[in-house]
Amino acid sequence: MLKRVFIQLACCIGVFGCCLCSYVNTQNAVTRLRLEIPILSSELNKLKEQNNRLKYEIDLFESPEHLMQLARCSEFSHLKYPTLQEVLTVSEAVILPKSPIEKEKDLPILKWNLAIGAKQ
């Protein structure tokens, strides 16, 4: 009888020890992840700051003043905005033939403007 109680007590202590080890391992993993959060947060803030800086540089490059300065440079002097005679207009019917479903709906024909190039 005493031997049986001792075996049951040893089994209970063993199961409790296993559960305790599992709990400690889980808490260690959670603590490790919590320690990584500030590092990842600072990296994220750096990336956001760099992203904002790059957006600002893009906005500066695409600003009308800068584009006008580029247009005055000799490297880009051959570029110009196409005139109305140089723009070819193609109807949508030529680009995409109508399917039977679209023919039933009688959709209006849209026109697309395509620049055919700049003359020098």
PDB file of N, CA and C in Angstrom:
ATOM      1  N   MET A   1       0.820  -1.181   0.000  1.00  0.00           N
ATOM      2  CA  MET A   1       0.000   0.000   0.000  1.00  0.00           C
ATOM      3  C   MET A   1       0.870   1.253   0.000  1.00  0.00           C
ATOM      4  N   LEU A   2       1.886   1.271   0.892  1.00  0.00           N
ATOM      5  CA  LEU A   2       2.770   2.413   0.982  1.00  0.00           C
ATOM      6  C   LEU A   2       3.579   2.575  -0.296  1.00  0.00           C
ATOM      7  N   LYS A   3       3.943   1.455  -0.904  1.00  0.00           N
ATOM      8  CA  LYS A   3       4.699   1.497  -2.157  1.00  0.00           C
ATOM      9  C   LYS A   3       3.843   2.093  -3.267  1.00  0.00           C
ATOM     10  N   ARG A   4       2.564   1.740  -3.327  1.00  0.00           N
ATOM     11  CA  ARG A   4       1.651   2.257  -4.348  1.00  0.00           C
ATOM     12  C   ARG A   4       1.471   3.766  -4.213  1.00  0.00           C
ATOM     13  N   VAL A   5       1.308   4.273  -3.015  1.00  0.00           N
ATOM     14  CA  VAL A   5       1.158   5.708  -2.761  1.00  0.00           C
ATOM     15  C   VAL A   5       2.444   6.434  -3.152  1.00  0.00           C
ATOM     16  N   PHE A   6       3.579   5.830  -2.843  1.00  0.00           N
ATOM     17  CA  PHE A   6       4.861   6.437  -3.202  1.00  0.00           C
ATOM     18  C   PHE A   6       5.008   6.530  -4.727  1.00  0.00           C
ATOM     19  N   ILE A   7       4.604   5.509  -5.460  1.00  0.00           N
ATOM     20  CA  ILE A   7       4.675   5.509  -6.935  1.00  0.00           C
ATOM     21  C   ILE A   7       3.730   6.570  -7.499  1.00  0.00           C
ATOM     22  N   GLN A   8       2.507   6.663  -6.951  1.00  0.00           N
ATOM     23  CA  GLN A   8       1.559   7.683  -7.416  1.00  0.00           C
ATOM     24  C   GLN A   8       2.094   9.087  -7.136  1.00  0.00           C
ATOM     25  N   LEU A   9       2.666   9.274  -5.967  1.00  0.00           N
ATOM     26  CA  LEU A   9       3.237  10.568  -5.617  1.00  0.00           C
ATOM     27  C   LEU A   9       4.419  10.907  -6.531  1.00  0.00           C
ATOM     28  N   ALA A  10       5.248   9.941  -6.834  1.00  0.00           N
ATOM     29  CA  ALA A  10       6.391  10.161  -7.736  1.00  0.00           C
ATOM     30  C   ALA A  10       5.894  10.503  -9.149  1.00  0.00           C
ATOM     31  N   CYS A  11       4.863   9.820  -9.606  1.00  0.00           N
ATOM     32  CA  CYS A  11       4.291  10.119 -10.939  1.00  0.00           C
ATOM     33  C   CYS A  11       3.710  11.528 -10.970  1.00  0.00           C
ATOM     34  N   CYS A  12       3.016  11.905  -9.932  1.00  0.00           N
ATOM     35  CA  CYS A  12       2.427  13.259  -9.877  1.00  0.00           C
ATOM     36  C   CYS A  12       3.514  14.319  -9.861  1.00  0.00           C
ATOM     37  N   ILE A  13       4.567  14.073  -9.093  1.00  0.00           N
ATOM     38  CA  ILE A  13       5.682  15.029  -9.042  1.00  0.00           C
ATOM     39  C   ILE A  13       6.367  15.103 -10.410  1.00  0.00           C
ATOM     40  N   GLY A  14       6.524  13.953 -11.071  1.00  0.00           N
ATOM     41  CA  GLY A  14       7.140  13.928 -12.404  1.00  0.00           C
ATOM     42  C   GLY A  14       6.308  14.691 -13.427  1.00  0.00           C
ATOM     43  N   VAL A  15       4.998  14.481 -13.442  1.00  0.00           N
ATOM     44  CA  VAL A  15       4.108  15.197 -14.368  1.00  0.00           C
ATOM     45  C   VAL A  15       4.123  16.687 -14.053  1.00  0.00           C
ATOM     46  N   PHE A  16       4.095  17.035 -12.766  1.00  0.00           N
ATOM     47  CA  PHE A  16       4.152  18.444 -12.380  1.00  0.00           C
ATOM     48  C   PHE A  16       5.476  19.070 -12.829  1.00  0.00           C
ATOM     49  N   GLY A  17       6.563  18.336 -12.692  1.00  0.00           N
ATOM     50  CA  GLY A  17       7.867  18.837 -13.141  1.00  0.00           C
ATOM     51  C   GLY A  17       7.898  19.061 -14.648  1.00  0.00           C
ATOM     52  N   CYS A  18       7.329  18.134 -15.411  1.00  0.00           N
ATOM     53  CA  CYS A  18       7.264  18.294 -16.870  1.00  0.00           C
ATOM     54  C   CYS A  18       6.424  19.512 -17.253  1.00  0.00           C
ATOM     55  N   CYS A  19       5.285  19.673 -16.594  1.00  0.00           N
ATOM     56  CA  CYS A  19       4.429  20.838 -16.864  1.00  0.00           C
ATOM     57  C   CYS A  19       5.158  22.133 -16.504  1.00  0.00           C
ATOM     58  N   LEU A  20       5.878  22.128 -15.406  1.00  0.00           N
ATOM     59  CA  LEU A  20       6.622  23.311 -14.980  1.00  0.00           C
ATOM     60  C   LEU A  20       7.736  23.646 -15.974  1.00  0.00           C
ATOM     61  N   CYS A  21       8.450  22.611 -16.452  1.00  0.00           N
ATOM     62  CA  CYS A  21       9.498  22.848 -17.470  1.00  0.00           C
ATOM     63  C   CYS A  21       8.895  23.403 -18.748  1.00  0.00           C
ATOM     64  N   SER A  22       7.767  22.865 -19.147  1.00  0.00           N
ATOM     65  CA  SER A  22       7.100  23.355 -20.361  1.00  0.00           C
ATOM     66  C   SER A  22       6.670  24.809 -20.191  1.00  0.00           C
ATOM     67  N   TYR A  23       6.140  25.148 -19.040  1.00  0.00           N
ATOM     68  CA  TYR A  23       5.719  26.515 -18.758  1.00  0.00           C
ATOM     69  C   TYR A  23       6.913  27.476 -18.763  1.00  0.00           C
ATOM     70  N   VAL A  24       8.014  27.059 -18.171  1.00  0.00           N
ATOM     71  CA  VAL A  24       9.217  27.896 -18.137  1.00  0.00           C
ATOM     72  C   VAL A  24       9.749  28.101 -19.558  1.00  0.00           C
ATOM     73  N   ASN A  25       9.769  27.050 -20.363  1.00  0.00           N
ATOM     74  CA  ASN A  25      10.220  27.181 -21.758  1.00  0.00           C
ATOM     75  C   ASN A  25       9.325  28.139 -22.544  1.00  0.00           C
ATOM     76  N   THR A  26       8.021  28.049 -22.322  1.00  0.00           N
ATOM     77  CA  THR A  26       7.093  28.956 -22.997  1.00  0.00           C
ATOM     78  C   THR A  26       7.341  30.396 -22.568  1.00  0.00           C
ATOM     79  N   GLN A  27       7.542  30.613 -21.264  1.00  0.00           N
ATOM     80  CA  GLN A  27       7.808  31.960 -20.771  1.00  0.00           C
ATOM     81  C   GLN A  27       9.137  32.499 -21.303  1.00  0.00           C
ATOM     82  N   ASN A  28      10.134  31.632 -21.458  1.00  0.00           N
ATOM     83  CA  ASN A  28      11.410  32.059 -22.037  1.00  0.00           C
ATOM     84  C   ASN A  28      11.238  32.496 -23.498  1.00  0.00           C
ATOM     85  N   ALA A  29      10.434  31.752 -24.240  1.00  0.00           N
ATOM     86  CA  ALA A  29      10.183  32.115 -25.640  1.00  0.00           C
ATOM     87  C   ALA A  29       9.450  33.449 -25.729  1.00  0.00           C
ATOM     88  N   VAL A  30       8.463  33.650 -24.864  1.00  0.00           N
ATOM     89  CA  VAL A  30       7.713  34.907 -24.855  1.00  0.00           C
ATOM     90  C   VAL A  30       8.624  36.067 -24.472  1.00  0.00           C
ATOM     91  N   THR A  31       9.477  35.864 -23.488  1.00  0.00           N
ATOM     92  CA  THR A  31      10.408  36.915 -23.066  1.00  0.00           C
ATOM     93  C   THR A  31      11.398  37.249 -24.183  1.00  0.00           C
ATOM     94  N   ARG A  32      11.876  36.230 -24.889  1.00  0.00           N
ATOM     95  CA  ARG A  32      12.788  36.444 -26.000  1.00  0.00           C
ATOM     96  C   ARG A  32      12.110  37.293 -27.089  1.00  0.00           C
ATOM     97  N   LEU A  33      10.850  36.998 -27.375  1.00  0.00           N
ATOM     98  CA  LEU A  33      10.107  37.780 -28.372  1.00  0.00           C
ATOM     99  C   LEU A  33       9.864  39.210 -27.885  1.00  0.00           C
ATOM    100  N   ARG A  34       9.585  39.370 -26.603  1.00  0.00           N
ATOM    101  CA  ARG A  34       9.373  40.716 -26.060  1.00  0.00           C
ATOM    102  C   ARG A  34      10.641  41.552 -26.135  1.00  0.00           C
ATOM    103  N   LEU A  35      11.788  40.916 -25.994  1.00  0.00           N
ATOM    104  CA  LEU A  35      13.052  41.632 -26.098  1.00  0.00           C
ATOM    105  C   LEU A  35      13.343  42.050 -27.544  1.00  0.00           C
ATOM    106  N   GLU A  36      12.810  41.301 -28.518  1.00  0.00           N
ATOM    107  CA  GLU A  36      13.022  41.636 -29.924  1.00  0.00           C
ATOM    108  C   GLU A  36      12.109  42.773 -30.393  1.00  0.00           C
ATOM    109  N   ILE A  37      11.020  43.023 -29.698  1.00  0.00           N
ATOM    110  CA  ILE A  37      10.057  44.049 -30.131  1.00  0.00           C
ATOM    111  C   ILE A  37      10.689  45.433 -30.236  1.00  0.00           C
ATOM    112  N   PRO A  38      11.434  45.944 -29.241  1.00  0.00           N
ATOM    113  CA  PRO A  38      12.016  47.283 -29.398  1.00  0.00           C
ATOM    114  C   PRO A  38      13.012  47.378 -30.549  1.00  0.00           C
ATOM    115  N   ILE A  39      13.778  46.312 -30.782  1.00  0.00           N
ATOM    116  CA  ILE A  39      14.741  46.316 -31.881  1.00  0.00           C
ATOM    117  C   ILE A  39      14.000  46.411 -33.216  1.00  0.00           C
ATOM    118  N   LEU A  40      12.971  45.578 -33.381  1.00  0.00           N
ATOM    119  CA  LEU A  40      12.190  45.601 -34.617  1.00  0.00           C
ATOM    120  C   LEU A  40      11.440  46.920 -34.775  1.00  0.00           C
ATOM    121  N   SER A  41      10.976  47.482 -33.668  1.00  0.00           N
ATOM    122  CA  SER A  41      10.277  48.759 -33.723  1.00  0.00           C
ATOM    123  C   SER A  41      11.203  49.874 -34.181  1.00  0.00           C
ATOM    124  N   SER A  42      12.435  49.867 -33.681  1.00  0.00           N
ATOM    125  CA  SER A  42      13.383  50.909 -34.115  1.00  0.00           C
ATOM    126  C   SER A  42      13.744  50.729 -35.583  1.00  0.00           C
ATOM    127  N   GLU A  43      13.888  49.489 -36.046  1.00  0.00           N
ATOM    128  CA  GLU A  43      14.151  49.241 -37.473  1.00  0.00           C
ATOM    129  C   GLU A  43      12.980  49.721 -38.326  1.00  0.00           C
ATOM    130  N   LEU A  44      11.758  49.473 -37.854  1.00  0.00           N
ATOM    131  CA  LEU A  44      10.577  49.921 -38.583  1.00  0.00           C
ATOM    132  C   LEU A  44      10.527  51.443 -38.655  1.00  0.00           C
ATOM    133  N   ASN A  45      10.837  52.108 -37.556  1.00  0.00           N
ATOM    134  CA  ASN A  45      10.856  53.572 -37.559  1.00  0.00           C
ATOM    135  C   ASN A  45      11.917  54.108 -38.512  1.00  0.00           C
ATOM    136  N   LYS A  46      13.091  53.460 -38.558  1.00  0.00           N
ATOM    137  CA  LYS A  46      14.141  53.876 -39.491  1.00  0.00           C
ATOM    138  C   LYS A  46      13.676  53.717 -40.934  1.00  0.00           C
ATOM    139  N   LEU A  47      13.005  52.595 -41.220  1.00  0.00           N
ATOM    140  CA  LEU A  47      12.506  52.374 -42.578  1.00  0.00           C
ATOM    141  C   LEU A  47      11.427  53.397 -42.955  1.00  0.00           C
ATOM    142  N   LYS A  48      10.545  53.726 -42.009  1.00  0.00           N
ATOM    143  CA  LYS A  48       9.523  54.742 -42.275  1.00  0.00           C
ATOM    144  C   LYS A  48      10.163  56.097 -42.535  1.00  0.00           C
ATOM    145  N   GLU A  49      11.188  56.419 -41.748  1.00  0.00           N
ATOM    146  CA  GLU A  49      11.880  57.690 -41.929  1.00  0.00           C
ATOM    147  C   GLU A  49      12.585  57.734 -43.283  1.00  0.00           C
ATOM    148  N   GLN A  50      13.223  56.641 -43.662  1.00  0.00           N
ATOM    149  CA  GLN A  50      13.892  56.571 -44.959  1.00  0.00           C
ATOM    150  C   GLN A  50      12.865  56.650 -46.092  1.00  0.00           C
ATOM    151  N   ASN A  51      11.717  56.013 -45.905  1.00  0.00           N
ATOM    152  CA  ASN A  51      10.656  56.058 -46.903  1.00  0.00           C
ATOM    153  C   ASN A  51      10.156  57.487 -47.094  1.00  0.00           C
ATOM    154  N   ASN A  52       9.967  58.209 -45.991  1.00  0.00           N
ATOM    155  CA  ASN A  52       9.536  59.608 -46.083  1.00  0.00           C
ATOM    156  C   ASN A  52      10.592  60.466 -46.774  1.00  0.00           C
ATOM    157  N   ARG A  53      11.863  60.204 -46.485  1.00  0.00           N
ATOM    158  CA  ARG A  53      12.944  60.959 -47.117  1.00  0.00           C
ATOM    159  C   ARG A  53      12.958  60.703 -48.628  1.00  0.00           C
ATOM    160  N   LEU A  54      12.781  59.443 -49.008  1.00  0.00           N
ATOM    161  CA  LEU A  54      12.768  59.110 -50.437  1.00  0.00           C
ATOM    162  C   LEU A  54      11.544  59.710 -51.147  1.00  0.00           C
ATOM    163  N   LYS A  55      10.399  59.723 -50.460  1.00  0.00           N
ATOM    164  CA  LYS A  55       9.214  60.364 -51.039  1.00  0.00           C
ATOM    165  C   LYS A  55       9.461  61.853 -51.258  1.00  0.00           C
ATOM    166  N   TYR A  56      10.144  62.472 -50.290  1.00  0.00           N
ATOM    167  CA  TYR A  56      10.466  63.895 -50.417  1.00  0.00           C
ATOM    168  C   TYR A  56      11.405  64.125 -51.605  1.00  0.00           C
ATOM    169  N   GLU A  57      12.411  63.258 -51.766  1.00  0.00           N
ATOM    170  CA  GLU A  57      13.330  63.391 -52.897  1.00  0.00           C
ATOM    171  C   GLU A  57      12.599  63.201 -54.228  1.00  0.00           C
ATOM    172  N   ILE A  58      11.664  62.258 -54.268  1.00  0.00           N
ATOM    173  CA  ILE A  58      10.886  62.049 -55.495  1.00  0.00           C
ATOM    174  C   ILE A  58      10.037  63.275 -55.793  1.00  0.00           C
ATOM    175  N   ASP A  59       9.400  63.820 -54.761  1.00  0.00           N
ATOM    176  CA  ASP A  59       8.595  65.026 -54.955  1.00  0.00           C
ATOM    177  C   ASP A  59       9.451  66.195 -55.434  1.00  0.00           C
ATOM    178  N   LEU A  60      10.672  66.308 -54.895  1.00  0.00           N
ATOM    179  CA  LEU A  60      11.569  67.372 -55.359  1.00  0.00           C
ATOM    180  C   LEU A  60      11.962  67.160 -56.817  1.00  0.00           C
ATOM    181  N   PHE A  61      12.231  65.923 -57.184  1.00  0.00           N
ATOM    182  CA  PHE A  61      12.634  65.637 -58.556  1.00  0.00           C
ATOM    183  C   PHE A  61      11.491  65.882 -59.529  1.00  0.00           C
ATOM    184  N   GLU A  62      10.278  65.534 -59.121  1.00  0.00           N
ATOM    185  CA  GLU A  62       9.115  65.679 -59.998  1.00  0.00           C
ATOM    186  C   GLU A  62       8.464  67.055 -59.901  1.00  0.00           C
ATOM    187  N   SER A  63       9.038  67.960 -59.135  1.00  0.00           N
ATOM    188  CA  SER A  63       8.451  69.288 -59.013  1.00  0.00           C
ATOM    189  C   SER A  63       8.530  70.022 -60.354  1.00  0.00           C
ATOM    190  N   PRO A  64       7.562  70.870 -60.653  1.00  0.00           N
ATOM    191  CA  PRO A  64       7.562  71.572 -61.935  1.00  0.00           C
ATOM    192  C   PRO A  64       8.810  72.419 -62.163  1.00  0.00           C
ATOM    193  N   GLU A  65       9.342  73.045 -61.099  1.00  0.00           N
ATOM    194  CA  GLU A  65      10.549  73.859 -61.275  1.00  0.00           C
ATOM    195  C   GLU A  65      11.723  73.009 -61.734  1.00  0.00           C
ATOM    196  N   HIS A  66      11.895  71.850 -61.105  1.00  0.00           N
ATOM    197  CA  HIS A  66      13.016  70.987 -61.475  1.00  0.00           C
ATOM    198  C   HIS A  66      12.835  70.439 -62.891  1.00  0.00           C
ATOM    199  N   LEU A  67      11.605  70.074 -63.231  1.00  0.00           N
ATOM    200  CA  LEU A  67      11.353  69.563 -64.581  1.00  0.00           C
ATOM    201  C   LEU A  67      11.601  70.642 -65.634  1.00  0.00           C
ATOM    202  N   MET A  68      11.270  71.885 -65.313  1.00  0.00           N
ATOM    203  CA  MET A  68      11.546  72.974 -66.251  1.00  0.00           C
ATOM    204  C   MET A  68      13.056  73.195 -66.383  1.00  0.00           C
ATOM    205  N   GLN A  69      13.794  73.062 -65.290  1.00  0.00           N
ATOM    206  CA  GLN A  69      15.250  73.175 -65.362  1.00  0.00           C
ATOM    207  C   GLN A  69      15.828  72.061 -66.232  1.00  0.00           C
ATOM    208  N   LEU A  70      15.289  70.857 -66.097  1.00  0.00           N
ATOM    209  CA  LEU A  70      15.754  69.751 -66.936  1.00  0.00           C
ATOM    210  C   LEU A  70      15.423  69.997 -68.403  1.00  0.00           C
ATOM    211  N   ALA A  71      14.266  70.595 -68.661  1.00  0.00           N
ATOM    212  CA  ALA A  71      13.876  70.862 -70.048  1.00  0.00           C
ATOM    213  C   ALA A  71      14.820  71.876 -70.691  1.00  0.00           C
ATOM    214  N   ARG A  72      15.389  72.768 -69.892  1.00  0.00           N
ATOM    215  CA  ARG A  72      16.311  73.768 -70.427  1.00  0.00           C
ATOM    216  C   ARG A  72      17.703  73.188 -70.695  1.00  0.00           C
ATOM    217  N   CYS A  73      18.015  72.042 -70.111  1.00  0.00           N
ATOM    218  CA  CYS A  73      19.329  71.436 -70.316  1.00  0.00           C
ATOM    219  C   CYS A  73      19.470  70.957 -71.755  1.00  0.00           C
ATOM    220  N   SER A  74      20.704  70.954 -72.243  1.00  0.00           N
ATOM    221  CA  SER A  74      20.944  70.541 -73.629  1.00  0.00           C
ATOM    222  C   SER A  74      20.688  69.046 -73.823  1.00  0.00           C
ATOM    223  N   GLU A  75      20.814  68.254 -72.768  1.00  0.00           N
ATOM    224  CA  GLU A  75      20.584  66.818 -72.881  1.00  0.00           C
ATOM    225  C   GLU A  75      19.143  66.485 -73.238  1.00  0.00           C
ATOM    226  N   PHE A  76      18.210  67.313 -72.791  1.00  0.00           N
ATOM    227  CA  PHE A  76      16.793  67.039 -72.982  1.00  0.00           C
ATOM    228  C   PHE A  76      16.124  68.042 -73.917  1.00  0.00           C
ATOM    229  N   SER A  77      16.884  68.814 -74.651  1.00  0.00           N
ATOM    230  CA  SER A  77      16.296  69.846 -75.498  1.00  0.00           C
ATOM    231  C   SER A  77      15.502  69.259 -76.664  1.00  0.00           C
ATOM    232  N   HIS A  78      15.792  68.028 -77.060  1.00  0.00           N
ATOM    233  CA  HIS A  78      15.077  67.416 -78.180  1.00  0.00           C
ATOM    234  C   HIS A  78      13.678  66.937 -77.781  1.00  0.00           C
ATOM    235  N   LEU A  79      13.395  66.850 -76.485  1.00  0.00           N
ATOM    236  CA  LEU A  79      12.083  66.390 -76.026  1.00  0.00           C
ATOM    237  C   LEU A  79      11.098  67.551 -76.015  1.00  0.00           C
ATOM    238  N   LYS A  80       9.876  67.270 -76.421  1.00  0.00           N
ATOM    239  CA  LYS A  80       8.839  68.284 -76.359  1.00  0.00           C
ATOM    240  C   LYS A  80       7.495  67.597 -76.250  1.00  0.00           C
ATOM    241  N   TYR A  81       6.508  68.364 -75.842  1.00  0.00           N
ATOM    242  CA  TYR A  81       5.162  67.841 -75.729  1.00  0.00           C
ATOM    243  C   TYR A  81       4.580  67.745 -77.134  1.00  0.00           C
ATOM    244  N   PRO A  82       3.958  66.620 -77.504  1.00  0.00           N
ATOM    245  CA  PRO A  82       3.450  66.493 -78.875  1.00  0.00           C
ATOM    246  C   PRO A  82       2.287  67.447 -79.147  1.00  0.00           C
ATOM    247  N   THR A  83       2.246  67.943 -80.372  1.00  0.00           N
ATOM    248  CA  THR A  83       1.142  68.814 -80.770  1.00  0.00           C
ATOM    249  C   THR A  83      -0.070  67.972 -81.125  1.00  0.00           C
ATOM    250  N   LEU A  84      -1.189  68.628 -81.386  1.00  0.00           N
ATOM    251  CA  LEU A  84      -2.419  67.919 -81.669  1.00  0.00           C
ATOM    252  C   LEU A  84      -2.326  67.133 -82.976  1.00  0.00           C
ATOM    253  N   GLN A  85      -1.559  67.621 -83.935  1.00  0.00           N
ATOM    254  CA  GLN A  85      -1.416  66.908 -85.201  1.00  0.00           C
ATOM    255  C   GLN A  85      -0.570  65.648 -85.043  1.00  0.00           C
ATOM    256  N   GLU A  86       0.265  65.596 -84.039  1.00  0.00           N
ATOM    257  CA  GLU A  86       1.133  64.444 -83.819  1.00  0.00           C
ATOM    258  C   GLU A  86       0.482  63.366 -82.966  1.00  0.00           C
ATOM    259  N   VAL A  87      -0.719  63.612 -82.447  1.00  0.00           N
ATOM    260  CA  VAL A  87      -1.408  62.653 -81.594  1.00  0.00           C
ATOM    261  C   VAL A  87      -2.375  61.852 -82.445  1.00  0.00           C
ATOM    262  N   LEU A  88      -2.249  60.555 -82.392  1.00  0.00           N
ATOM    263  CA  LEU A  88      -3.096  59.648 -83.146  1.00  0.00           C
ATOM    264  C   LEU A  88      -4.226  59.168 -82.235  1.00  0.00           C
ATOM    265  N   THR A  89      -5.464  59.309 -82.670  1.00  0.00           N
ATOM    266  CA  THR A  89      -6.622  58.889 -81.888  1.00  0.00           C
ATOM    267  C   THR A  89      -7.154  57.593 -82.472  1.00  0.00           C
ATOM    268  N   VAL A  90      -7.265  56.579 -81.614  1.00  0.00           N
ATOM    269  CA  VAL A  90      -7.737  55.269 -82.038  1.00  0.00           C
ATOM    270  C   VAL A  90      -8.986  54.954 -81.221  1.00  0.00           C
ATOM    271  N   SER A  91     -10.038  54.536 -81.898  1.00  0.00           N
ATOM    272  CA  SER A  91     -11.263  54.202 -81.161  1.00  0.00           C
ATOM    273  C   SER A  91     -11.086  52.853 -80.478  1.00  0.00           C
ATOM    274  N   GLU A  92     -11.877  52.633 -79.449  1.00  0.00           N
ATOM    275  CA  GLU A  92     -11.768  51.403 -78.688  1.00  0.00           C
ATOM    276  C   GLU A  92     -12.203  50.205 -79.509  1.00  0.00           C
ATOM    277  N   ALA A  93     -13.080  50.390 -80.459  1.00  0.00           N
ATOM    278  CA  ALA A  93     -13.554  49.287 -81.283  1.00  0.00           C
ATOM    279  C   ALA A  93     -12.397  48.679 -82.072  1.00  0.00           C
ATOM    280  N   VAL A  94     -11.427  49.476 -82.448  1.00  0.00           N
ATOM    281  CA  VAL A  94     -10.284  48.958 -83.179  1.00  0.00           C
ATOM    282  C   VAL A  94      -9.355  48.196 -82.234  1.00  0.00           C
ATOM    283  N   ILE A  95      -9.233  48.664 -81.011  1.00  0.00           N
ATOM    284  CA  ILE A  95      -8.336  48.026 -80.051  1.00  0.00           C
ATOM    285  C   ILE A  95      -8.914  46.691 -79.583  1.00  0.00           C
ATOM    286  N   LEU A  96     -10.143  46.712 -79.107  1.00  0.00           N
ATOM    287  CA  LEU A  96     -10.784  45.501 -78.616  1.00  0.00           C
ATOM    288  C   LEU A  96     -12.108  45.288 -79.338  1.00  0.00           C
ATOM    289  N   PRO A  97     -12.239  44.187 -80.052  1.00  0.00           N
ATOM    290  CA  PRO A  97     -13.540  43.947 -80.705  1.00  0.00           C
ATOM    291  C   PRO A  97     -14.604  43.681 -79.650  1.00  0.00           C
ATOM    292  N   LYS A  98     -15.816  44.109 -79.949  1.00  0.00           N
ATOM    293  CA  LYS A  98     -16.910  43.945 -78.996  1.00  0.00           C
ATOM    294  C   LYS A  98     -17.360  42.495 -78.951  1.00  0.00           C
ATOM    295  N   SER A  99     -17.635  42.051 -77.743  1.00  0.00           N
ATOM    296  CA  SER A  99     -18.191  40.718 -77.573  1.00  0.00           C
ATOM    297  C   SER A  99     -19.708  40.809 -77.739  1.00  0.00           C
ATOM    298  N   PRO A 100     -20.375  39.692 -77.921  1.00  0.00           N
ATOM    299  CA  PRO A 100     -21.842  39.733 -78.081  1.00  0.00           C
ATOM    300  C   PRO A 100     -22.553  40.364 -76.883  1.00  0.00           C
ATOM    301  N   ILE A 101     -22.013  40.201 -75.702  1.00  0.00           N
ATOM    302  CA  ILE A 101     -22.639  40.780 -74.510  1.00  0.00           C
ATOM    303  C   ILE A 101     -22.541  42.298 -74.558  1.00  0.00           C
ATOM    304  N   GLU A 102     -21.377  42.819 -74.958  1.00  0.00           N
ATOM    305  CA  GLU A 102     -21.193  44.260 -75.044  1.00  0.00           C
ATOM    306  C   GLU A 102     -22.041  44.853 -76.156  1.00  0.00           C
ATOM    307  N   LYS A 103     -22.259  44.115 -77.232  1.00  0.00           N
ATOM    308  CA  LYS A 103     -23.100  44.617 -78.322  1.00  0.00           C
ATOM    309  C   LYS A 103     -24.536  44.799 -77.845  1.00  0.00           C
ATOM    310  N   GLU A 104     -24.971  43.905 -76.951  1.00  0.00           N
ATOM    311  CA  GLU A 104     -26.331  44.017 -76.421  1.00  0.00           C
ATOM    312  C   GLU A 104     -26.471  45.261 -75.537  1.00  0.00           C
ATOM    313  N   LYS A 105     -25.426  45.606 -74.820  1.00  0.00           N
ATOM    314  CA  LYS A 105     -25.482  46.746 -73.909  1.00  0.00           C
ATOM    315  C   LYS A 105     -25.366  48.078 -74.650  1.00  0.00           C
ATOM    316  N   ASP A 106     -24.843  48.087 -75.857  1.00  0.00           N
ATOM    317  CA  ASP A 106     -24.612  49.300 -76.640  1.00  0.00           C
ATOM    318  C   ASP A 106     -23.826  50.332 -75.850  1.00  0.00           C
ATOM    319  N   LEU A 107     -22.636  49.937 -75.461  1.00  0.00           N
ATOM    320  CA  LEU A 107     -21.765  50.842 -74.730  1.00  0.00           C
ATOM    321  C   LEU A 107     -21.227  51.912 -75.674  1.00  0.00           C
ATOM    322  N   PRO A 108     -21.034  53.133 -75.191  1.00  0.00           N
ATOM    323  CA  PRO A 108     -20.455  54.167 -76.045  1.00  0.00           C
ATOM    324  C   PRO A 108     -18.989  53.833 -76.347  1.00  0.00           C
ATOM    325  N   ILE A 109     -18.545  54.210 -77.532  1.00  0.00           N
ATOM    326  CA  ILE A 109     -17.169  53.946 -77.935  1.00  0.00           C
ATOM    327  C   ILE A 109     -16.270  55.010 -77.328  1.00  0.00           C
ATOM    328  N   LEU A 110     -15.264  54.551 -76.585  1.00  0.00           N
ATOM    329  CA  LEU A 110     -14.313  55.456 -75.976  1.00  0.00           C
ATOM    330  C   LEU A 110     -13.131  55.641 -76.916  1.00  0.00           C
ATOM    331  N   LYS A 111     -12.494  56.783 -76.831  1.00  0.00           N
ATOM    332  CA  LYS A 111     -11.331  57.038 -77.664  1.00  0.00           C
ATOM    333  C   LYS A 111     -10.103  57.153 -76.781  1.00  0.00           C
ATOM    334  N   TRP A 112      -8.995  56.605 -77.263  1.00  0.00           N
ATOM    335  CA  TRP A 112      -7.721  56.647 -76.574  1.00  0.00           C
ATOM    336  C   TRP A 112      -6.773  57.513 -77.380  1.00  0.00           C
ATOM    337  N   ASN A 113      -6.054  58.402 -76.709  1.00  0.00           N
ATOM    338  CA  ASN A 113      -5.069  59.243 -77.372  1.00  0.00           C
ATOM    339  C   ASN A 113      -3.692  58.616 -77.213  1.00  0.00           C
ATOM    340  N   LEU A 114      -2.998  58.460 -78.334  1.00  0.00           N
ATOM    341  CA  LEU A 114      -1.658  57.899 -78.315  1.00  0.00           C
ATOM    342  C   LEU A 114      -0.712  58.896 -78.958  1.00  0.00           C
ATOM    343  N   ALA A 115       0.378  59.190 -78.272  1.00  0.00           N
ATOM    344  CA  ALA A 115       1.387  60.067 -78.858  1.00  0.00           C
ATOM    345  C   ALA A 115       2.253  59.231 -79.787  1.00  0.00           C
ATOM    346  N   ILE A 116       2.452  59.704 -81.015  1.00  0.00           N
ATOM    347  CA  ILE A 116       3.214  58.915 -81.989  1.00  0.00           C
ATOM    348  C   ILE A 116       4.664  59.354 -82.067  1.00  0.00           C
ATOM    349  N   GLY A 117       5.071  60.309 -81.274  1.00  0.00           N
ATOM    350  CA  GLY A 117       6.465  60.724 -81.244  1.00  0.00           C
ATOM    351  C   GLY A 117       6.606  62.213 -81.475  1.00  0.00           C
ATOM    352  N   ALA A 118       7.775  62.710 -81.185  1.00  0.00           N
ATOM    353  CA  ALA A 118       8.042  64.132 -81.342  1.00  0.00           C
ATOM    354  C   ALA A 118       8.953  64.333 -82.546  1.00  0.00           C
ATOM    355  N   LYS A 119       8.633  65.323 -83.365  1.00  0.00           N
ATOM    356  CA  LYS A 119       9.458  65.636 -84.528  1.00  0.00           C
ATOM    357  C   LYS A 119      10.566  66.581 -84.102  1.00  0.00           C
ATOM    358  N   GLN A 120      11.725  66.429 -84.725  1.00  0.00           N
ATOM    359  CA  GLN A 120      12.852  67.295 -84.380  1.00  0.00           C
ATOM    360  C   GLN A 120      12.990  68.412 -85.368  1.00  0.00           C
TER     361      GLN A 120
END
